[in-house]
Amino acid sequence: MPKLKTRKAVRKRVRITAKRKVMRRDIGQGHFNARNPGKITRRKRSDEVVFKTDAENILLNLPYN
């Protein structure tokens, strides 16, 4: 059986934890962040867990993780 290819676009956007949770960065971090309140700025510093149904589809595109 041939090797399965990893979707590189997905690999760059998510991180898989040891317990197989899929983590992603918070949205809207590109620019114009100075105008946001401090509460939102602090929230953007941490990663978020992807929803279960989306995580299943993401893991299909990452066969060796």
C-alpha atoms as a PDB file:
ATOM      1  CA  MET A   1       0.000   0.000   0.000  1.00  0.00           C
ATOM      2  CA  PRO A   2       1.421   3.441  -0.906  1.00  0.00           C
ATOM      3  CA  LYS A   3       2.196   6.100   1.642  1.00  0.00           C
ATOM      4  CA  LEU A   4      -0.571   8.540   2.507  1.00  0.00           C
ATOM      5  CA  LYS A   5       0.115  12.198   1.866  1.00  0.00           C
ATOM      6  CA  THR A   6      -0.299  14.831   4.559  1.00  0.00           C
ATOM      7  CA  ARG A   7      -2.292  17.949   3.671  1.00  0.00           C
ATOM      8  CA  LYS A   8       0.360  20.593   4.262  1.00  0.00           C
ATOM      9  CA  ALA A   9      -2.146  23.459   4.471  1.00  0.00           C
ATOM     10  CA  VAL A  10      -3.878  21.715   7.380  1.00  0.00           C
ATOM     11  CA  ARG A  11      -0.579  20.791   9.033  1.00  0.00           C
ATOM     12  CA  LYS A  12       0.475  24.462   9.151  1.00  0.00           C
ATOM     13  CA  ARG A  13      -2.754  25.610  10.797  1.00  0.00           C
ATOM     14  CA  VAL A  14      -3.316  23.088  13.579  1.00  0.00           C
ATOM     15  CA  ARG A  15      -1.437  21.296  16.323  1.00  0.00           C
ATOM     16  CA  ILE A  16      -2.260  17.849  17.706  1.00  0.00           C
ATOM     17  CA  THR A  17      -1.901  17.287  21.447  1.00  0.00           C
ATOM     18  CA  ALA A  18      -0.834  14.055  23.124  1.00  0.00           C
ATOM     19  CA  LYS A  19      -4.491  13.200  23.808  1.00  0.00           C
ATOM     20  CA  ARG A  20      -5.394  13.733  20.124  1.00  0.00           C
ATOM     21  CA  LYS A  21      -7.064  17.112  20.632  1.00  0.00           C
ATOM     22  CA  VAL A  22      -6.774  19.519  17.712  1.00  0.00           C
ATOM     23  CA  MET A  23      -5.677  23.030  18.680  1.00  0.00           C
ATOM     24  CA  ARG A  24      -5.793  26.147  16.500  1.00  0.00           C
ATOM     25  CA  ARG A  25      -4.852  29.776  16.898  1.00  0.00           C
ATOM     26  CA  ASP A  26      -7.564  32.322  17.654  1.00  0.00           C
ATOM     27  CA  ILE A  27      -8.864  34.250  14.647  1.00  0.00           C
ATOM     28  CA  GLY A  28      -8.134  37.874  13.754  1.00  0.00           C
ATOM     29  CA  GLN A  29      -4.503  38.173  14.823  1.00  0.00           C
ATOM     30  CA  GLY A  30      -3.080  39.532  11.608  1.00  0.00           C
ATOM     31  CA  HIS A  31      -3.227  43.300  12.062  1.00  0.00           C
ATOM     32  CA  PHE A  32      -5.326  46.121  13.558  1.00  0.00           C
ATOM     33  CA  ASN A  33      -4.949  44.576  17.009  1.00  0.00           C
ATOM     34  CA  ALA A  34      -4.183  47.826  18.850  1.00  0.00           C
ATOM     35  CA  ARG A  35      -7.812  48.914  18.620  1.00  0.00           C
ATOM     36  CA  ASN A  36      -9.094  45.806  20.430  1.00  0.00           C
ATOM     37  CA  PRO A  37      -9.892  45.859  24.149  1.00  0.00           C
ATOM     38  CA  GLY A  38      -7.471  44.169  26.511  1.00  0.00           C
ATOM     39  CA  LYS A  39      -9.877  41.292  27.113  1.00  0.00           C
ATOM     40  CA  ILE A  40      -9.841  40.312  23.450  1.00  0.00           C
ATOM     41  CA  THR A  41      -6.079  40.812  23.174  1.00  0.00           C
ATOM     42  CA  ARG A  42      -5.512  38.382  26.041  1.00  0.00           C
ATOM     43  CA  ARG A  43      -7.901  35.873  24.509  1.00  0.00           C
ATOM     44  CA  LYS A  44      -5.981  35.907  21.226  1.00  0.00           C
ATOM     45  CA  ARG A  45      -2.774  34.819  22.968  1.00  0.00           C
ATOM     46  CA  SER A  46      -4.006  31.299  23.673  1.00  0.00           C
ATOM     47  CA  ASP A  47      -4.899  28.411  21.386  1.00  0.00           C
ATOM     48  CA  GLU A  48      -8.434  27.093  21.066  1.00  0.00           C
ATOM     49  CA  VAL A  49      -9.703  23.526  20.824  1.00  0.00           C
ATOM     50  CA  VAL A  50     -11.376  22.736  17.506  1.00  0.00           C
ATOM     51  CA  PHE A  51     -14.932  21.364  17.615  1.00  0.00           C
ATOM     52  CA  LYS A  52     -15.183  17.574  17.638  1.00  0.00           C
ATOM     53  CA  THR A  53     -16.759  17.201  14.192  1.00  0.00           C
ATOM     54  CA  ASP A  54     -14.178  19.496  12.602  1.00  0.00           C
ATOM     55  CA  ALA A  55     -11.378  17.694  14.423  1.00  0.00           C
ATOM     56  CA  GLU A  56     -12.404  14.356  12.910  1.00  0.00           C
ATOM     57  CA  ASN A  57     -12.159  15.819   9.400  1.00  0.00           C
ATOM     58  CA  ILE A  58      -8.816  17.448  10.176  1.00  0.00           C
ATOM     59  CA  LEU A  59      -7.346  14.201  11.484  1.00  0.00           C
ATOM     60  CA  LEU A  60      -8.319  12.463   8.216  1.00  0.00           C
ATOM     61  CA  ASN A  61      -6.014  14.906   6.404  1.00  0.00           C
ATOM     62  CA  LEU A  62      -3.138  14.227   8.829  1.00  0.00           C
ATOM     63  CA  PRO A  63      -2.619  10.453   8.563  1.00  0.00           C
ATOM     64  CA  TYR A  64       0.601  10.190  10.612  1.00  0.00           C
ATOM     65  CA  ASN A  65      -0.303  12.393  13.592  1.00  0.00           C
END
